[in-house]
Amino acid sequence: MELVFGIKRLDSASGGAERVFCAICNQFAQKGYKITVITFDTPDSKSFYPLSPHIKWIKMNLGTSKSKTSVYEFLVRTIALRRFLRKG
């Protein structure tokens, strides 16, 4: 089974949501699920919390993931995510 998870960013994000997100993704990967993680980080980003090497991490590089999201960025990201998921 393939699972796709999304979160705004993982680079330098040391919050509880990111920690739990990575833990859940790692557990599913350990159980043999095919996991894809989608974020808006830049291509050279590194996850603050460890991600299994079996997890495919797609860094969409849309907007500035370290600041608040504007309405325009929200719309661009929503359209990009929909296109990506429809291709899948």
PDB file of N, CA and C in Angstrom:
ATOM      1  N   MET A   1       0.853  -1.179   0.000  1.00  0.00           N
ATOM      2  CA  MET A   1       0.000   0.000   0.000  1.00  0.00           C
ATOM      3  C   MET A   1       0.897   1.240   0.000  1.00  0.00           C
ATOM      4  N   GLU A   2       0.480   2.228  -0.760  1.00  0.00           N
ATOM      5  CA  GLU A   2       1.226   3.481  -0.830  1.00  0.00           C
ATOM      6  C   GLU A   2       0.479   4.566  -0.053  1.00  0.00           C
ATOM      7  N   LEU A   3       1.217   5.287   0.781  1.00  0.00           N
ATOM      8  CA  LEU A   3       0.657   6.388   1.558  1.00  0.00           C
ATOM      9  C   LEU A   3       1.415   7.662   1.230  1.00  0.00           C
ATOM     10  N   VAL A   4       0.681   8.760   1.090  1.00  0.00           N
ATOM     11  CA  VAL A   4       1.276  10.066   0.826  1.00  0.00           C
ATOM     12  C   VAL A   4       0.925  10.985   1.986  1.00  0.00           C
ATOM     13  N   PHE A   5       1.961  11.574   2.582  1.00  0.00           N
ATOM     14  CA  PHE A   5       1.780  12.508   3.692  1.00  0.00           C
ATOM     15  C   PHE A   5       2.313  13.874   3.279  1.00  0.00           C
ATOM     16  N   GLY A   6       1.716  14.922   3.789  1.00  0.00           N
ATOM     17  CA  GLY A   6       2.179  16.269   3.491  1.00  0.00           C
ATOM     18  C   GLY A   6       2.279  17.113   4.747  1.00  0.00           C
ATOM     19  N   ILE A   7       3.276  17.970   4.763  1.00  0.00           N
ATOM     20  CA  ILE A   7       3.477  18.929   5.847  1.00  0.00           C
ATOM     21  C   ILE A   7       4.208  20.127   5.237  1.00  0.00           C
ATOM     22  N   LYS A   8       4.030  21.284   5.815  1.00  0.00           N
ATOM     23  CA  LYS A   8       4.597  22.499   5.232  1.00  0.00           C
ATOM     24  C   LYS A   8       6.108  22.408   5.070  1.00  0.00           C
ATOM     25  N   ARG A   9       6.815  22.030   6.149  1.00  0.00           N
ATOM     26  CA  ARG A   9       8.273  21.930   6.044  1.00  0.00           C
ATOM     27  C   ARG A   9       8.829  20.991   7.093  1.00  0.00           C
ATOM     28  N   LEU A  10      10.018  20.460   6.800  1.00  0.00           N
ATOM     29  CA  LEU A  10      10.749  19.633   7.751  1.00  0.00           C
ATOM     30  C   LEU A  10      12.133  20.203   8.034  1.00  0.00           C
ATOM     31  N   ASP A  11      12.610  21.091   7.181  1.00  0.00           N
ATOM     32  CA  ASP A  11      13.932  21.688   7.339  1.00  0.00           C
ATOM     33  C   ASP A  11      13.916  22.686   8.495  1.00  0.00           C
ATOM     34  N   SER A  12      14.753  22.475   9.475  1.00  0.00           N
ATOM     35  CA  SER A  12      14.876  23.367  10.639  1.00  0.00           C
ATOM     36  C   SER A  12      13.575  23.504  11.410  1.00  0.00           C
ATOM     37  N   ALA A  13      12.671  22.585  11.225  1.00  0.00           N
ATOM     38  CA  ALA A  13      11.395  22.632  11.934  1.00  0.00           C
ATOM     39  C   ALA A  13      11.481  21.663  13.108  1.00  0.00           C
ATOM     40  N   SER A  14      11.689  22.212  14.297  1.00  0.00           N
ATOM     41  CA  SER A  14      11.929  21.362  15.463  1.00  0.00           C
ATOM     42  C   SER A  14      10.713  21.253  16.371  1.00  0.00           C
ATOM     43  N   GLY A  15       9.539  21.494  15.838  1.00  0.00           N
ATOM     44  CA  GLY A  15       8.325  21.459  16.654  1.00  0.00           C
ATOM     45  C   GLY A  15       7.796  20.057  16.874  1.00  0.00           C
ATOM     46  N   GLY A  16       6.806  19.966  17.738  1.00  0.00           N
ATOM     47  CA  GLY A  16       6.207  18.676  18.062  1.00  0.00           C
ATOM     48  C   GLY A  16       5.476  18.038  16.897  1.00  0.00           C
ATOM     49  N   ALA A  17       4.818  18.845  16.076  1.00  0.00           N
ATOM     50  CA  ALA A  17       4.081  18.297  14.929  1.00  0.00           C
ATOM     51  C   ALA A  17       5.044  17.613  13.960  1.00  0.00           C
ATOM     52  N   GLU A  18       6.181  18.221  13.722  1.00  0.00           N
ATOM     53  CA  GLU A  18       7.168  17.649  12.804  1.00  0.00           C
ATOM     54  C   GLU A  18       7.764  16.355  13.375  1.00  0.00           C
ATOM     55  N   ARG A  19       8.000  16.338  14.688  1.00  0.00           N
ATOM     56  CA  ARG A  19       8.553  15.144  15.341  1.00  0.00           C
ATOM     57  C   ARG A  19       7.569  13.982  15.219  1.00  0.00           C
ATOM     58  N   VAL A  20       6.305  14.233  15.512  1.00  0.00           N
ATOM     59  CA  VAL A  20       5.276  13.192  15.421  1.00  0.00           C
ATOM     60  C   VAL A  20       5.092  12.766  13.968  1.00  0.00           C
ATOM     61  N   PHE A  21       5.088  13.718  13.054  1.00  0.00           N
ATOM     62  CA  PHE A  21       4.957  13.434  11.629  1.00  0.00           C
ATOM     63  C   PHE A  21       6.038  12.449  11.175  1.00  0.00           C
ATOM     64  N   CYS A  22       7.301  12.748  11.513  1.00  0.00           N
ATOM     65  CA  CYS A  22       8.417  11.881  11.115  1.00  0.00           C
ATOM     66  C   CYS A  22       8.314  10.514  11.775  1.00  0.00           C
ATOM     67  N   ALA A  23       7.920  10.474  13.046  1.00  0.00           N
ATOM     68  CA  ALA A  23       7.783   9.196  13.750  1.00  0.00           C
ATOM     69  C   ALA A  23       6.725   8.317  13.095  1.00  0.00           C
ATOM     70  N   ILE A  24       5.587   8.912  12.728  1.00  0.00           N
ATOM     71  CA  ILE A  24       4.509   8.152  12.075  1.00  0.00           C
ATOM     72  C   ILE A  24       4.966   7.639  10.710  1.00  0.00           C
ATOM     73  N   CYS A  25       5.580   8.497   9.926  1.00  0.00           N
ATOM     74  CA  CYS A  25       6.061   8.089   8.598  1.00  0.00           C
ATOM     75  C   CYS A  25       7.093   6.976   8.715  1.00  0.00           C
ATOM     76  N   ASN A  26       8.017   7.093   9.666  1.00  0.00           N
ATOM     77  CA  ASN A  26       9.041   6.064   9.860  1.00  0.00           C
ATOM     78  C   ASN A  26       8.426   4.729  10.280  1.00  0.00           C
ATOM     79  N   GLN A  27       7.410   4.759  11.134  1.00  0.00           N
ATOM     80  CA  GLN A  27       6.757   3.525  11.566  1.00  0.00           C
ATOM     81  C   GLN A  27       6.056   2.830  10.394  1.00  0.00           C
ATOM     82  N   PHE A  28       5.359   3.602   9.569  1.00  0.00           N
ATOM     83  CA  PHE A  28       4.707   3.002   8.398  1.00  0.00           C
ATOM     84  C   PHE A  28       5.742   2.419   7.446  1.00  0.00           C
ATOM     85  N   ALA A  29       6.848   3.127   7.233  1.00  0.00           N
ATOM     86  CA  ALA A  29       7.906   2.624   6.351  1.00  0.00           C
ATOM     87  C   ALA A  29       8.508   1.337   6.914  1.00  0.00           C
ATOM     88  N   GLN A  30       8.691   1.277   8.220  1.00  0.00           N
ATOM     89  CA  GLN A  30       9.247   0.090   8.865  1.00  0.00           C
ATOM     90  C   GLN A  30       8.324  -1.119   8.699  1.00  0.00           C
ATOM     91  N   LYS A  31       7.025  -0.857   8.632  1.00  0.00           N
ATOM     92  CA  LYS A  31       6.053  -1.945   8.472  1.00  0.00           C
ATOM     93  C   LYS A  31       5.893  -2.361   7.004  1.00  0.00           C
ATOM     94  N   GLY A  32       6.651  -1.729   6.108  1.00  0.00           N
ATOM     95  CA  GLY A  32       6.646  -2.142   4.713  1.00  0.00           C
ATOM     96  C   GLY A  32       5.787  -1.320   3.776  1.00  0.00           C
ATOM     97  N   TYR A  33       5.167  -0.265   4.275  1.00  0.00           N
ATOM     98  CA  TYR A  33       4.372   0.602   3.410  1.00  0.00           C
ATOM     99  C   TYR A  33       5.290   1.461   2.541  1.00  0.00           C
ATOM    100  N   LYS A  34       4.827   1.768   1.355  1.00  0.00           N
ATOM    101  CA  LYS A  34       5.548   2.690   0.472  1.00  0.00           C
ATOM    102  C   LYS A  34       5.101   4.103   0.851  1.00  0.00           C
ATOM    103  N   ILE A  35       6.012   4.901   1.395  1.00  0.00           N
ATOM    104  CA  ILE A  35       5.684   6.220   1.928  1.00  0.00           C
ATOM    105  C   ILE A  35       6.288   7.317   1.057  1.00  0.00           C
ATOM    106  N   THR A  36       5.469   8.317   0.760  1.00  0.00           N
ATOM    107  CA  THR A  36       5.924   9.528   0.085  1.00  0.00           C
ATOM    108  C   THR A  36       5.575  10.705   0.978  1.00  0.00           C
ATOM    109  N   VAL A  37       6.553  11.576   1.205  1.00  0.00           N
ATOM    110  CA  VAL A  37       6.364  12.787   2.002  1.00  0.00           C
ATOM    111  C   VAL A  37       6.503  13.982   1.069  1.00  0.00           C
ATOM    112  N   ILE A  38       5.541  14.892   1.126  1.00  0.00           N
ATOM    113  CA  ILE A  38       5.570  16.100   0.302  1.00  0.00           C
ATOM    114  C   ILE A  38       5.694  17.310   1.221  1.00  0.00           C
ATOM    115  N   THR A  39       6.683  18.172   0.945  1.00  0.00           N
ATOM    116  CA  THR A  39       6.845  19.424   1.683  1.00  0.00           C
ATOM    117  C   THR A  39       7.110  20.550   0.691  1.00  0.00           C
ATOM    118  N   PHE A  40       7.127  21.771   1.198  1.00  0.00           N
ATOM    119  CA  PHE A  40       7.426  22.927   0.355  1.00  0.00           C
ATOM    120  C   PHE A  40       8.865  23.396   0.547  1.00  0.00           C
ATOM    121  N   ASP A  41       9.699  22.562   1.150  1.00  0.00           N
ATOM    122  CA  ASP A  41      11.105  22.890   1.376  1.00  0.00           C
ATOM    123  C   ASP A  41      11.868  23.026   0.062  1.00  0.00           C
ATOM    124  N   THR A  42      13.046  23.644   0.155  1.00  0.00           N
ATOM    125  CA  THR A  42      13.933  23.762  -1.007  1.00  0.00           C
ATOM    126  C   THR A  42      14.608  22.417  -1.268  1.00  0.00           C
ATOM    127  N   PRO A  43      15.100  22.197  -2.485  1.00  0.00           N
ATOM    128  CA  PRO A  43      15.706  20.906  -2.831  1.00  0.00           C
ATOM    129  C   PRO A  43      16.898  20.500  -1.961  1.00  0.00           C
ATOM    130  N   ASP A  44      17.613  21.449  -1.392  1.00  0.00           N
ATOM    131  CA  ASP A  44      18.792  21.125  -0.579  1.00  0.00           C
ATOM    132  C   ASP A  44      18.468  20.975   0.910  1.00  0.00           C
ATOM    133  N   SER A  45      17.215  20.975   1.280  1.00  0.00           N
ATOM    134  CA  SER A  45      16.792  20.902   2.685  1.00  0.00           C
ATOM    135  C   SER A  45      17.102  19.541   3.297  1.00  0.00           C
ATOM    136  N   LYS A  46      17.356  19.569   4.598  1.00  0.00           N
ATOM    137  CA  LYS A  46      17.571  18.362   5.389  1.00  0.00           C
ATOM    138  C   LYS A  46      16.518  18.350   6.499  1.00  0.00           C
ATOM    139  N   SER A  47      15.986  17.198   6.797  1.00  0.00           N
ATOM    140  CA  SER A  47      14.976  17.082   7.835  1.00  0.00           C
ATOM    141  C   SER A  47      15.618  17.241   9.212  1.00  0.00           C
ATOM    142  N   PHE A  48      14.978  18.025  10.090  1.00  0.00           N
ATOM    143  CA  PHE A  48      15.469  18.199  11.453  1.00  0.00           C
ATOM    144  C   PHE A  48      15.412  16.866  12.192  1.00  0.00           C
ATOM    145  N   TYR A  49      14.319  16.118  12.002  1.00  0.00           N
ATOM    146  CA  TYR A  49      14.169  14.793  12.599  1.00  0.00           C
ATOM    147  C   TYR A  49      14.479  13.741  11.537  1.00  0.00           C
ATOM    148  N   PRO A  50      15.033  12.605  11.935  1.00  0.00           N
ATOM    149  CA  PRO A  50      15.428  11.598  10.936  1.00  0.00           C
ATOM    150  C   PRO A  50      14.235  10.989  10.203  1.00  0.00           C
ATOM    151  N   LEU A  51      14.426  10.818   8.907  1.00  0.00           N
ATOM    152  CA  LEU A  51      13.453  10.111   8.068  1.00  0.00           C
ATOM    153  C   LEU A  51      14.121   8.851   7.534  1.00  0.00           C
ATOM    154  N   SER A  52      13.382   7.776   7.491  1.00  0.00           N
ATOM    155  CA  SER A  52      13.894   6.516   6.968  1.00  0.00           C
ATOM    156  C   SER A  52      14.374   6.702   5.523  1.00  0.00           C
ATOM    157  N   PRO A  53      15.464   6.043   5.154  1.00  0.00           N
ATOM    158  CA  PRO A  53      15.914   6.123   3.753  1.00  0.00           C
ATOM    159  C   PRO A  53      14.929   5.479   2.782  1.00  0.00           C
ATOM    160  N   HIS A  54      13.964   4.734   3.306  1.00  0.00           N
ATOM    161  CA  HIS A  54      12.953   4.095   2.461  1.00  0.00           C
ATOM    162  C   HIS A  54      11.801   5.043   2.118  1.00  0.00           C
ATOM    163  N   ILE A  55      11.824   6.228   2.685  1.00  0.00           N
ATOM    164  CA  ILE A  55      10.763   7.210   2.444  1.00  0.00           C
ATOM    165  C   ILE A  55      11.179   8.126   1.294  1.00  0.00           C
ATOM    166  N   LYS A  56      10.280   8.296   0.344  1.00  0.00           N
ATOM    167  CA  LYS A  56      10.517   9.224  -0.770  1.00  0.00           C
ATOM    168  C   LYS A  56      10.077  10.614  -0.320  1.00  0.00           C
ATOM    169  N   TRP A  57      11.003  11.575  -0.333  1.00  0.00           N
ATOM    170  CA  TRP A  57      10.719  12.940   0.117  1.00  0.00           C
ATOM    171  C   TRP A  57      10.707  13.859  -1.094  1.00  0.00           C
ATOM    172  N   ILE A  58       9.557  14.422  -1.394  1.00  0.00           N
ATOM    173  CA  ILE A  58       9.413  15.353  -2.511  1.00  0.00           C
ATOM    174  C   ILE A  58       9.386  16.764  -1.946  1.00  0.00           C
ATOM    175  N   LYS A  59      10.369  17.560  -2.344  1.00  0.00           N
ATOM    176  CA  LYS A  59      10.495  18.945  -1.881  1.00  0.00           C
ATOM    177  C   LYS A  59      10.025  19.849  -3.019  1.00  0.00           C
ATOM    178  N   MET A  60       8.853  20.423  -2.863  1.00  0.00           N
ATOM    179  CA  MET A  60       8.218  21.157  -3.956  1.00  0.00           C
ATOM    180  C   MET A  60       8.802  22.542  -4.199  1.00  0.00           C
ATOM    181  N   ASN A  61       9.532  23.087  -3.237  1.00  0.00           N
ATOM    182  CA  ASN A  61      10.200  24.372  -3.412  1.00  0.00           C
ATOM    183  C   ASN A  61       9.230  25.476  -3.857  1.00  0.00           C
ATOM    184  N   LEU A  62       8.114  25.580  -3.132  1.00  0.00           N
ATOM    185  CA  LEU A  62       7.102  26.587  -3.451  1.00  0.00           C
ATOM    186  C   LEU A  62       6.980  27.586  -2.314  1.00  0.00           C
ATOM    187  N   GLY A  63       7.272  28.822  -2.576  1.00  0.00           N
ATOM    188  CA  GLY A  63       7.149  29.871  -1.568  1.00  0.00           C
ATOM    189  C   GLY A  63       8.251  29.778  -0.529  1.00  0.00           C
ATOM    190  N   THR A  64       8.094  30.567   0.514  1.00  0.00           N
ATOM    191  CA  THR A  64       9.043  30.571   1.615  1.00  0.00           C
ATOM    192  C   THR A  64       8.421  29.773   2.749  1.00  0.00           C
ATOM    193  N   SER A  65       8.917  28.574   2.969  1.00  0.00           N
ATOM    194  CA  SER A  65       8.284  27.704   3.960  1.00  0.00           C
ATOM    195  C   SER A  65       8.578  28.127   5.398  1.00  0.00           C
ATOM    196  N   LYS A  66       9.511  29.073   5.598  1.00  0.00           N
ATOM    197  CA  LYS A  66       9.866  29.497   6.954  1.00  0.00           C
ATOM    198  C   LYS A  66       9.034  30.677   7.457  1.00  0.00           C
ATOM    199  N   SER A  67       8.195  31.239   6.604  1.00  0.00           N
ATOM    200  CA  SER A  67       7.368  32.374   7.035  1.00  0.00           C
ATOM    201  C   SER A  67       5.889  32.047   6.826  1.00  0.00           C
ATOM    202  N   LYS A  68       5.043  32.953   7.309  1.00  0.00           N
ATOM    203  CA  LYS A  68       3.603  32.757   7.145  1.00  0.00           C
ATOM    204  C   LYS A  68       3.245  32.673   5.667  1.00  0.00           C
ATOM    205  N   THR A  69       2.236  31.888   5.381  1.00  0.00           N
ATOM    206  CA  THR A  69       1.796  31.694   4.004  1.00  0.00           C
ATOM    207  C   THR A  69       0.808  32.782   3.607  1.00  0.00           C
ATOM    208  N   SER A  70       1.075  33.421   2.465  1.00  0.00           N
ATOM    209  CA  SER A  70       0.141  34.419   1.947  1.00  0.00           C
ATOM    210  C   SER A  70      -0.994  33.706   1.216  1.00  0.00           C
ATOM    211  N   VAL A  71      -2.038  34.428   0.915  1.00  0.00           N
ATOM    212  CA  VAL A  71      -3.168  33.861   0.187  1.00  0.00           C
ATOM    213  C   VAL A  71      -2.701  33.377  -1.185  1.00  0.00           C
ATOM    214  N   TYR A  72      -1.852  34.164  -1.829  1.00  0.00           N
ATOM    215  CA  TYR A  72      -1.332  33.785  -3.147  1.00  0.00           C
ATOM    216  C   TYR A  72      -0.537  32.473  -3.055  1.00  0.00           C
ATOM    217  N   GLU A  73       0.370  32.373  -2.062  1.00  0.00           N
ATOM    218  CA  GLU A  73       1.149  31.148  -1.891  1.00  0.00           C
ATOM    219  C   GLU A  73       0.241  29.949  -1.610  1.00  0.00           C
ATOM    220  N   PHE A  74      -0.782  30.165  -0.816  1.00  0.00           N
ATOM    221  CA  PHE A  74      -1.722  29.090  -0.509  1.00  0.00           C
ATOM    222  C   PHE A  74      -2.367  28.559  -1.790  1.00  0.00           C
ATOM    223  N   LEU A  75      -2.809  29.463  -2.652  1.00  0.00           N
ATOM    224  CA  LEU A  75      -3.443  29.050  -3.909  1.00  0.00           C
ATOM    225  C   LEU A  75      -2.458  28.322  -4.821  1.00  0.00           C
ATOM    226  N   VAL A  76      -1.249  28.850  -4.943  1.00  0.00           N
ATOM    227  CA  VAL A  76      -0.226  28.217  -5.793  1.00  0.00           C
ATOM    228  C   VAL A  76       0.089  26.819  -5.272  1.00  0.00           C
ATOM    229  N   ARG A  77       0.252  26.695  -3.971  1.00  0.00           N
ATOM    230  CA  ARG A  77       0.574  25.393  -3.375  1.00  0.00           C
ATOM    231  C   ARG A  77      -0.574  24.398  -3.540  1.00  0.00           C
ATOM    232  N   THR A  78      -1.795  24.863  -3.364  1.00  0.00           N
ATOM    233  CA  THR A  78      -2.961  23.989  -3.505  1.00  0.00           C
ATOM    234  C   THR A  78      -3.061  23.453  -4.930  1.00  0.00           C
ATOM    235  N   ILE A  79      -2.868  24.317  -5.900  1.00  0.00           N
ATOM    236  CA  ILE A  79      -2.925  23.900  -7.307  1.00  0.00           C
ATOM    237  C   ILE A  79      -1.796  22.922  -7.610  1.00  0.00           C
ATOM    238  N   ALA A  80      -0.593  23.207  -7.125  1.00  0.00           N
ATOM    239  CA  ALA A  80       0.551  22.316  -7.362  1.00  0.00           C
ATOM    240  C   ALA A  80       0.326  20.944  -6.726  1.00  0.00           C
ATOM    241  N   LEU A  81      -0.217  20.921  -5.521  1.00  0.00           N
ATOM    242  CA  LEU A  81      -0.485  19.643  -4.859  1.00  0.00           C
ATOM    243  C   LEU A  81      -1.538  18.835  -5.605  1.00  0.00           C
ATOM    244  N   ARG A  82      -2.568  19.503  -6.041  1.00  0.00           N
ATOM    245  CA  ARG A  82      -3.626  18.805  -6.797  1.00  0.00           C
ATOM    246  C   ARG A  82      -3.061  18.205  -8.079  1.00  0.00           C
ATOM    247  N   ARG A  83      -2.235  18.974  -8.789  1.00  0.00           N
ATOM    248  CA  ARG A  83      -1.621  18.451 -10.033  1.00  0.00           C
ATOM    249  C   ARG A  83      -0.746  17.254  -9.737  1.00  0.00           C
ATOM    250  N   PHE A  84       0.056  17.343  -8.680  1.00  0.00           N
ATOM    251  CA  PHE A  84       0.947  16.255  -8.323  1.00  0.00           C
ATOM    252  C   PHE A  84       0.152  14.988  -7.983  1.00  0.00           C
ATOM    253  N   LEU A  85      -0.875  15.134  -7.170  1.00  0.00           N
ATOM    254  CA  LEU A  85      -1.656  13.974  -6.734  1.00  0.00           C
ATOM    255  C   LEU A  85      -2.467  13.360  -7.884  1.00  0.00           C
ATOM    256  N   ARG A  86      -2.887  14.160  -8.819  1.00  0.00           N
ATOM    257  CA  ARG A  86      -3.627  13.629  -9.977  1.00  0.00           C
ATOM    258  C   ARG A  86      -2.723  12.808 -10.893  1.00  0.00           C
ATOM    259  N   LYS A  87      -1.432  13.197 -10.980  1.00  0.00           N
ATOM    260  CA  LYS A  87      -0.476  12.444 -11.807  1.00  0.00           C
ATOM    261  C   LYS A  87      -0.237  11.050 -11.262  1.00  0.00           C
ATOM    262  N   GLY A  88      -0.232  10.976  -9.906  1.00  0.00           N
ATOM    263  CA  GLY A  88       0.150   9.782  -9.166  1.00  0.00           C
ATOM    264  C   GLY A  88      -0.452   8.531  -9.610  1.00  0.00           C
TER     265      GLY A  88
END
